[in-house]
Amino acid sequence: MSASTDVEGQSPAARSRSRCLDTFLTVSVIALFVMFAIALAGALWFAKHIENEINERKTRQLDGSADLLVAPMPVSAYKMQNFAYLRAIESELKSENVMAWESIQYGKGHTVGSLYTYDENQKVLNVKESGSYFLYVQLSLSCKGICQPGQFTVSFYNLLNRKELTCTVSLPDGNGNEPVRRTCWRVVTFPENGNRLMAKSEIQGKLDNWTLEMNDSGFGMFLVDGAQAVHHT
């Protein structure tokens, strides 16, 4: 039986099936990576577009220009309802701290679609619908003076207090260096309706002179697979 099995394993048909399986797995992994890369690029582009528009409005207000027209939305209403973006509103780095965020006024609404609500008191983003979501966070930190090395970590917890995403920024020592930035992402799945995300920060080292750049730090979510995505395609 052993010899027969060995001969069968070395047959051209068996080797061909093995090569086909290897090729299929390789192509699947590459396709998945490309899909996530495109989704990340799209989400970051949208967040950057919002930041640029806000900066332009501030410039027009300082110049005394009227801002009477509402800029057209660069994405469809479908994408807006499935998308959420929140910006950090606290620059001080704290350990074991629940982070506070805010939505940004954009067009005629805000950067939190109808699939979400943000609770300012509890500092949580409520996710109404089940499905798979592309979750990402951008962190940008600057040194104000003489800074010591350390780490700043932000972790996102779901309704069951389980970590869905952790992002750690390693900070060097220095004096007024360029901002240190990092982007982390992950696809998370909520099997049932009604979940939430809470972000908590941790620090390692003495980071007194490090601050979080609020305009360049935030997190976003985008529905990639779920009932709402199927309904609106």
C-alpha atoms as a PDB file:
ATOM      1  CA  MET A   1       0.000   0.000   0.000  1.00  0.00           C
ATOM      2  CA  SER A   2       2.874   2.348   0.755  1.00  0.00           C
ATOM      3  CA  ALA A   3       4.516   1.759  -2.592  1.00  0.00           C
ATOM      4  CA  SER A   4       1.218   2.259  -4.420  1.00  0.00           C
ATOM      5  CA  THR A   5       0.585   5.516  -2.610  1.00  0.00           C
ATOM      6  CA  ASP A   6       4.080   6.733  -3.414  1.00  0.00           C
ATOM      7  CA  VAL A   7       3.694   5.944  -7.102  1.00  0.00           C
ATOM      8  CA  GLU A   8       0.326   7.736  -7.216  1.00  0.00           C
ATOM      9  CA  GLY A   9       1.799  10.776  -5.466  1.00  0.00           C
ATOM     10  CA  GLN A  10       4.531  10.976  -8.087  1.00  0.00           C
ATOM     11  CA  SER A  11       2.128  10.620 -11.041  1.00  0.00           C
ATOM     12  CA  PRO A  12       1.860  13.528 -13.526  1.00  0.00           C
ATOM     13  CA  ALA A  13      -1.820  13.992 -12.682  1.00  0.00           C
ATOM     14  CA  ALA A  14      -1.098  14.364  -8.962  1.00  0.00           C
ATOM     15  CA  ARG A  15       1.734  16.805  -9.591  1.00  0.00           C
ATOM     16  CA  SER A  16      -0.522  18.810 -11.924  1.00  0.00           C
ATOM     17  CA  ARG A  17      -3.269  19.017  -9.290  1.00  0.00           C
ATOM     18  CA  SER A  18      -0.728  20.146  -6.704  1.00  0.00           C
ATOM     19  CA  ARG A  19       0.603  22.883  -8.988  1.00  0.00           C
ATOM     20  CA  CYS A  20      -2.949  24.069  -9.758  1.00  0.00           C
ATOM     21  CA  LEU A  21      -3.759  24.252  -6.052  1.00  0.00           C
ATOM     22  CA  ASP A  22      -0.559  26.196  -5.331  1.00  0.00           C
ATOM     23  CA  THR A  23      -1.335  28.614  -8.166  1.00  0.00           C
ATOM     24  CA  PHE A  24      -4.919  29.099  -6.966  1.00  0.00           C
ATOM     25  CA  LEU A  25      -3.813  29.838  -3.403  1.00  0.00           C
ATOM     26  CA  THR A  26      -1.119  32.257  -4.579  1.00  0.00           C
ATOM     27  CA  VAL A  27      -3.498  34.150  -6.876  1.00  0.00           C
ATOM     28  CA  SER A  28      -6.134  34.294  -4.117  1.00  0.00           C
ATOM     29  CA  VAL A  29      -3.689  35.788  -1.625  1.00  0.00           C
ATOM     30  CA  ILE A  30      -2.464  38.362  -4.150  1.00  0.00           C
ATOM     31  CA  ALA A  31      -6.021  39.313  -5.109  1.00  0.00           C
ATOM     32  CA  LEU A  32      -6.988  39.720  -1.453  1.00  0.00           C
ATOM     33  CA  PHE A  33      -3.956  41.914  -0.782  1.00  0.00           C
ATOM     34  CA  VAL A  34      -4.687  44.094  -3.809  1.00  0.00           C
ATOM     35  CA  MET A  35      -8.337  44.488  -2.751  1.00  0.00           C
ATOM     36  CA  PHE A  36      -7.375  45.624   0.750  1.00  0.00           C
ATOM     37  CA  ALA A  37      -4.681  47.944  -0.625  1.00  0.00           C
ATOM     38  CA  ILE A  38      -7.221  49.605  -2.931  1.00  0.00           C
ATOM     39  CA  ALA A  39      -9.726  49.932  -0.087  1.00  0.00           C
ATOM     40  CA  LEU A  40      -7.085  51.502   2.172  1.00  0.00           C
ATOM     41  CA  ALA A  41      -6.004  53.940  -0.536  1.00  0.00           C
ATOM     42  CA  GLY A  42      -9.616  54.956  -1.150  1.00  0.00           C
ATOM     43  CA  ALA A  43     -10.347  55.469   2.534  1.00  0.00           C
ATOM     44  CA  LEU A  44      -7.186  57.510   3.083  1.00  0.00           C
ATOM     45  CA  TRP A  45      -7.884  59.592  -0.022  1.00  0.00           C
ATOM     46  CA  PHE A  46     -11.367  60.387   1.256  1.00  0.00           C
ATOM     47  CA  ALA A  47     -10.057  61.357   4.703  1.00  0.00           C
ATOM     48  CA  LYS A  48      -7.351  63.545   3.138  1.00  0.00           C
ATOM     49  CA  HIS A  49      -9.891  65.180   0.835  1.00  0.00           C
ATOM     50  CA  ILE A  50     -11.977  66.135   3.871  1.00  0.00           C
ATOM     51  CA  GLU A  51      -8.946  67.612   5.660  1.00  0.00           C
ATOM     52  CA  ASN A  52      -7.945  69.624   2.585  1.00  0.00           C
ATOM     53  CA  GLU A  53     -11.451  71.026   2.210  1.00  0.00           C
ATOM     54  CA  ILE A  54     -11.529  72.101   5.856  1.00  0.00           C
ATOM     55  CA  ASN A  55      -8.156  73.839   5.498  1.00  0.00           C
ATOM     56  CA  GLU A  56      -9.375  75.612   2.348  1.00  0.00           C
ATOM     57  CA  ARG A  57     -12.500  76.830   4.152  1.00  0.00           C
ATOM     58  CA  LYS A  58     -10.396  78.166   7.032  1.00  0.00           C
ATOM     59  CA  THR A  59      -8.187  80.014   4.543  1.00  0.00           C
ATOM     60  CA  ARG A  60     -11.212  81.564   2.824  1.00  0.00           C
ATOM     61  CA  GLN A  61     -12.624  82.683   6.163  1.00  0.00           C
ATOM     62  CA  LEU A  62      -9.327  84.308   7.152  1.00  0.00           C
ATOM     63  CA  ASP A  63      -9.258  86.104   3.798  1.00  0.00           C
ATOM     64  CA  GLY A  64     -12.804  87.352   4.352  1.00  0.00           C
ATOM     65  CA  SER A  65     -14.128  85.366   1.419  1.00  0.00           C
ATOM     66  CA  ALA A  66     -17.713  84.160   1.461  1.00  0.00           C
ATOM     67  CA  ASP A  67     -18.191  80.408   1.573  1.00  0.00           C
ATOM     68  CA  LEU A  68     -21.763  80.220   0.382  1.00  0.00           C
ATOM     69  CA  LEU A  69     -21.559  77.259  -1.945  1.00  0.00           C
ATOM     70  CA  VAL A  70     -21.430  73.721  -0.686  1.00  0.00           C
ATOM     71  CA  ALA A  71     -18.731  71.659  -2.354  1.00  0.00           C
ATOM     72  CA  PRO A  72     -20.044  68.679  -4.322  1.00  0.00           C
ATOM     73  CA  MET A  73     -19.657  65.291  -2.701  1.00  0.00           C
ATOM     74  CA  PRO A  74     -16.834  63.286  -4.303  1.00  0.00           C
ATOM     75  CA  VAL A  75     -18.489  59.998  -3.420  1.00  0.00           C
ATOM     76  CA  SER A  76     -22.006  58.667  -3.836  1.00  0.00           C
ATOM     77  CA  ALA A  77     -24.655  58.658  -1.122  1.00  0.00           C
ATOM     78  CA  TYR A  78     -24.180  54.887  -0.899  1.00  0.00           C
ATOM     79  CA  LYS A  79     -20.558  55.261   0.102  1.00  0.00           C
ATOM     80  CA  MET A  80     -21.315  58.106   2.490  1.00  0.00           C
ATOM     81  CA  GLN A  81     -23.822  56.094   4.497  1.00  0.00           C
ATOM     82  CA  ASN A  82     -21.372  53.198   4.759  1.00  0.00           C
ATOM     83  CA  PHE A  83     -18.412  55.381   5.699  1.00  0.00           C
ATOM     84  CA  ALA A  84     -17.385  56.908   9.018  1.00  0.00           C
ATOM     85  CA  TYR A  85     -14.402  59.092   9.831  1.00  0.00           C
ATOM     86  CA  LEU A  86     -13.608  60.647  13.225  1.00  0.00           C
ATOM     87  CA  ARG A  87     -10.788  63.016  14.142  1.00  0.00           C
ATOM     88  CA  ALA A  88      -8.892  63.086  17.443  1.00  0.00           C
ATOM     89  CA  ILE A  89      -9.646  66.057  19.715  1.00  0.00           C
ATOM     90  CA  GLU A  90      -7.074  65.563  22.491  1.00  0.00           C
ATOM     91  CA  SER A  91      -3.405  66.271  21.849  1.00  0.00           C
ATOM     92  CA  GLU A  92      -2.067  65.157  25.242  1.00  0.00           C
ATOM     93  CA  LEU A  93      -0.758  61.593  25.385  1.00  0.00           C
ATOM     94  CA  LYS A  94      -2.275  59.594  28.221  1.00  0.00           C
ATOM     95  CA  SER A  95      -1.986  56.002  29.394  1.00  0.00           C
ATOM     96  CA  GLU A  96      -5.051  53.814  29.953  1.00  0.00           C
ATOM     97  CA  ASN A  97      -7.181  56.604  28.530  1.00  0.00           C
ATOM     98  CA  VAL A  98     -10.405  56.348  26.528  1.00  0.00           C
ATOM     99  CA  MET A  99      -9.801  58.591  23.544  1.00  0.00           C
ATOM    100  CA  ALA A 100     -12.265  61.241  22.422  1.00  0.00           C
ATOM    101  CA  TRP A 101     -13.080  61.921  18.761  1.00  0.00           C
ATOM    102  CA  GLU A 102     -15.293  64.153  16.660  1.00  0.00           C
ATOM    103  CA  SER A 103     -16.918  63.967  13.265  1.00  0.00           C
ATOM    104  CA  ILE A 104     -16.151  66.610  10.662  1.00  0.00           C
ATOM    105  CA  GLN A 105     -18.753  68.732   8.895  1.00  0.00           C
ATOM    106  CA  TYR A 106     -18.683  67.819   5.249  1.00  0.00           C
ATOM    107  CA  GLY A 107     -21.052  69.041   2.551  1.00  0.00           C
ATOM    108  CA  LYS A 108     -24.547  69.147   4.059  1.00  0.00           C
ATOM    109  CA  GLY A 109     -23.782  66.568   6.724  1.00  0.00           C
ATOM    110  CA  HIS A 110     -20.972  65.008   8.709  1.00  0.00           C
ATOM    111  CA  THR A 111     -18.393  62.289   8.178  1.00  0.00           C
ATOM    112  CA  VAL A 112     -20.416  59.675  10.050  1.00  0.00           C
ATOM    113  CA  GLY A 113     -22.786  57.775   7.772  1.00  0.00           C
ATOM    114  CA  SER A 114     -26.222  56.520   8.746  1.00  0.00           C
ATOM    115  CA  LEU A 115     -24.872  53.054   9.593  1.00  0.00           C
ATOM    116  CA  TYR A 116     -23.112  54.592  12.608  1.00  0.00           C
ATOM    117  CA  THR A 117     -23.656  56.945  15.519  1.00  0.00           C
ATOM    118  CA  TYR A 118     -21.017  58.502  17.730  1.00  0.00           C
ATOM    119  CA  ASP A 119     -21.710  58.793  21.469  1.00  0.00           C
ATOM    120  CA  GLU A 120     -19.721  61.768  22.773  1.00  0.00           C
ATOM    121  CA  ASN A 121     -20.377  60.904  26.421  1.00  0.00           C
ATOM    122  CA  GLN A 122     -19.173  57.312  26.236  1.00  0.00           C
ATOM    123  CA  LYS A 123     -16.674  58.099  23.454  1.00  0.00           C
ATOM    124  CA  VAL A 124     -17.742  55.128  21.358  1.00  0.00           C
ATOM    125  CA  LEU A 125     -18.670  54.682  17.721  1.00  0.00           C
ATOM    126  CA  ASN A 126     -21.821  52.577  17.501  1.00  0.00           C
ATOM    127  CA  VAL A 127     -22.057  50.266  14.484  1.00  0.00           C
ATOM    128  CA  LYS A 128     -25.684  49.474  13.681  1.00  0.00           C
ATOM    129  CA  GLU A 129     -25.404  46.739  11.054  1.00  0.00           C
ATOM    130  CA  SER A 130     -23.652  43.368  10.966  1.00  0.00           C
ATOM    131  CA  GLY A 131     -21.021  42.732   8.302  1.00  0.00           C
ATOM    132  CA  SER A 132     -17.337  43.036   7.526  1.00  0.00           C
ATOM    133  CA  TYR A 133     -15.745  46.468   7.860  1.00  0.00           C
ATOM    134  CA  PHE A 134     -12.448  47.920   6.758  1.00  0.00           C
ATOM    135  CA  LEU A 135     -11.104  49.658   9.888  1.00  0.00           C
ATOM    136  CA  TYR A 136      -8.057  51.902   9.835  1.00  0.00           C
ATOM    137  CA  VAL A 137      -6.369  54.472  12.060  1.00  0.00           C
ATOM    138  CA  GLN A 138      -3.905  57.282  11.258  1.00  0.00           C
ATOM    139  CA  LEU A 139      -1.620  58.559  13.996  1.00  0.00           C
ATOM    140  CA  SER A 140       0.701  61.553  13.737  1.00  0.00           C
ATOM    141  CA  LEU A 141       2.842  62.722  16.670  1.00  0.00           C
ATOM    142  CA  SER A 142       5.157  65.708  16.996  1.00  0.00           C
ATOM    143  CA  CYS A 143       7.965  66.554  19.373  1.00  0.00           C
ATOM    144  CA  LYS A 144       7.594  69.902  21.179  1.00  0.00           C
ATOM    145  CA  GLY A 145      11.028  70.479  22.691  1.00  0.00           C
ATOM    146  CA  ILE A 146      13.468  67.819  23.843  1.00  0.00           C
ATOM    147  CA  CYS A 147      11.784  64.418  23.579  1.00  0.00           C
ATOM    148  CA  GLN A 148      12.632  60.999  24.926  1.00  0.00           C
ATOM    149  CA  PRO A 149      12.009  57.731  23.081  1.00  0.00           C
ATOM    150  CA  GLY A 150       8.990  55.577  23.786  1.00  0.00           C
ATOM    151  CA  GLN A 151       5.866  54.057  22.309  1.00  0.00           C
ATOM    152  CA  PHE A 152       2.309  55.277  21.856  1.00  0.00           C
ATOM    153  CA  THR A 153      -0.361  52.631  21.293  1.00  0.00           C
ATOM    154  CA  VAL A 154      -4.029  52.934  20.369  1.00  0.00           C
ATOM    155  CA  SER A 155      -6.266  49.862  20.623  1.00  0.00           C
ATOM    156  CA  PHE A 156      -9.875  49.535  19.470  1.00  0.00           C
ATOM    157  CA  TYR A 157     -12.232  47.365  21.531  1.00  0.00           C
ATOM    158  CA  ASN A 158     -15.617  45.986  20.520  1.00  0.00           C
ATOM    159  CA  LEU A 159     -18.784  45.588  22.571  1.00  0.00           C
ATOM    160  CA  LEU A 160     -17.385  42.457  24.262  1.00  0.00           C
ATOM    161  CA  ASN A 161     -14.191  44.361  25.170  1.00  0.00           C
ATOM    162  CA  ARG A 162     -12.118  42.376  22.684  1.00  0.00           C
ATOM    163  CA  LYS A 163      -9.393  44.050  20.679  1.00  0.00           C
ATOM    164  CA  GLU A 164     -10.209  44.543  17.014  1.00  0.00           C
ATOM    165  CA  LEU A 165      -7.170  46.628  16.035  1.00  0.00           C
ATOM    166  CA  THR A 166      -3.948  47.752  17.731  1.00  0.00           C
ATOM    167  CA  CYS A 167      -1.590  50.381  16.337  1.00  0.00           C
ATOM    168  CA  THR A 168       1.760  51.225  17.951  1.00  0.00           C
ATOM    169  CA  VAL A 169       3.964  54.190  17.031  1.00  0.00           C
ATOM    170  CA  SER A 170       7.636  53.963  18.008  1.00  0.00           C
ATOM    171  CA  LEU A 171       8.937  57.431  18.941  1.00  0.00           C
ATOM    172  CA  PRO A 172      12.636  58.377  18.796  1.00  0.00           C
ATOM    173  CA  ASP A 173      14.547  60.788  20.979  1.00  0.00           C
ATOM    174  CA  GLY A 174      15.293  64.174  19.528  1.00  0.00           C
ATOM    175  CA  ASN A 175      14.544  67.861  19.455  1.00  0.00           C
ATOM    176  CA  GLY A 176      11.832  69.137  17.168  1.00  0.00           C
ATOM    177  CA  ASN A 177      12.078  66.288  14.663  1.00  0.00           C
ATOM    178  CA  GLU A 178       9.655  65.775  11.819  1.00  0.00           C
ATOM    179  CA  PRO A 179       6.280  64.299  12.855  1.00  0.00           C
ATOM    180  CA  VAL A 180       6.202  60.535  13.263  1.00  0.00           C
ATOM    181  CA  ARG A 181       3.284  58.963  11.417  1.00  0.00           C
ATOM    182  CA  ARG A 182       1.812  55.510  11.151  1.00  0.00           C
ATOM    183  CA  THR A 183      -1.279  53.972   9.576  1.00  0.00           C
ATOM    184  CA  CYS A 184      -2.696  50.612  10.677  1.00  0.00           C
ATOM    185  CA  TRP A 185      -5.656  48.709   9.264  1.00  0.00           C
ATOM    186  CA  ARG A 186      -7.613  45.485   9.548  1.00  0.00           C
ATOM    187  CA  VAL A 187     -10.838  43.951   8.277  1.00  0.00           C
ATOM    188  CA  VAL A 188     -13.155  43.294  11.234  1.00  0.00           C
ATOM    189  CA  THR A 189     -16.385  41.300  11.245  1.00  0.00           C
ATOM    190  CA  PHE A 190     -19.445  41.933  13.383  1.00  0.00           C
ATOM    191  CA  PRO A 191     -21.733  38.875  13.067  1.00  0.00           C
ATOM    192  CA  GLU A 192     -24.739  40.554  14.696  1.00  0.00           C
ATOM    193  CA  ASN A 193     -26.414  43.954  14.484  1.00  0.00           C
ATOM    194  CA  GLY A 194     -25.448  46.443  17.147  1.00  0.00           C
ATOM    195  CA  ASN A 195     -21.780  46.694  18.046  1.00  0.00           C
ATOM    196  CA  ARG A 196     -19.408  49.460  18.982  1.00  0.00           C
ATOM    197  CA  LEU A 197     -15.773  50.548  18.962  1.00  0.00           C
ATOM    198  CA  MET A 198     -13.934  52.257  21.805  1.00  0.00           C
ATOM    199  CA  ALA A 199     -10.333  53.442  21.478  1.00  0.00           C
ATOM    200  CA  LYS A 200      -7.921  53.328  24.421  1.00  0.00           C
ATOM    201  CA  SER A 201      -4.390  54.704  24.478  1.00  0.00           C
ATOM    202  CA  GLU A 202      -1.260  53.470  26.247  1.00  0.00           C
ATOM    203  CA  ILE A 203       2.214  54.954  26.538  1.00  0.00           C
ATOM    204  CA  GLN A 204       5.598  53.443  27.272  1.00  0.00           C
ATOM    205  CA  GLY A 205       8.351  55.776  28.377  1.00  0.00           C
ATOM    206  CA  LYS A 206       8.315  59.423  29.390  1.00  0.00           C
ATOM    207  CA  LEU A 207       6.514  61.166  26.536  1.00  0.00           C
ATOM    208  CA  ASP A 208       5.802  64.545  28.146  1.00  0.00           C
ATOM    209  CA  ASN A 209       6.904  66.574  25.127  1.00  0.00           C
ATOM    210  CA  TRP A 210       5.240  64.390  22.514  1.00  0.00           C
ATOM    211  CA  THR A 211       1.807  65.514  21.309  1.00  0.00           C
ATOM    212  CA  LEU A 212      -0.816  64.042  19.007  1.00  0.00           C
ATOM    213  CA  GLU A 213      -1.425  66.082  15.857  1.00  0.00           C
ATOM    214  CA  MET A 214      -5.220  66.236  15.942  1.00  0.00           C
ATOM    215  CA  ASN A 215      -5.831  67.313  12.348  1.00  0.00           C
ATOM    216  CA  ASP A 216      -3.718  64.437  11.043  1.00  0.00           C
ATOM    217  CA  SER A 217      -4.898  61.754  13.484  1.00  0.00           C
ATOM    218  CA  GLY A 218      -8.167  59.901  13.198  1.00  0.00           C
ATOM    219  CA  PHE A 219      -9.825  56.611  12.372  1.00  0.00           C
ATOM    220  CA  GLY A 220     -12.318  55.465   9.797  1.00  0.00           C
ATOM    221  CA  MET A 221     -14.544  52.552   8.875  1.00  0.00           C
ATOM    222  CA  PHE A 222     -16.054  51.363   5.636  1.00  0.00           C
ATOM    223  CA  LEU A 223     -18.562  48.553   5.053  1.00  0.00           C
ATOM    224  CA  VAL A 224     -17.122  46.050   2.589  1.00  0.00           C
ATOM    225  CA  ASP A 225     -19.495  43.095   2.988  1.00  0.00           C
ATOM    226  CA  GLY A 226     -22.947  43.050   4.550  1.00  0.00           C
ATOM    227  CA  ALA A 227     -26.687  43.384   3.987  1.00  0.00           C
ATOM    228  CA  GLN A 228     -26.462  47.132   3.325  1.00  0.00           C
ATOM    229  CA  ALA A 229     -23.635  46.671   0.832  1.00  0.00           C
ATOM    230  CA  VAL A 230     -25.622  44.038  -1.076  1.00  0.00           C
ATOM    231  CA  HIS A 231     -28.824  46.103  -0.984  1.00  0.00           C
ATOM    232  CA  HIS A 232     -27.240  49.227  -2.455  1.00  0.00           C
ATOM    233  CA  THR A 233     -25.006  47.718  -5.130  1.00  0.00           C
END
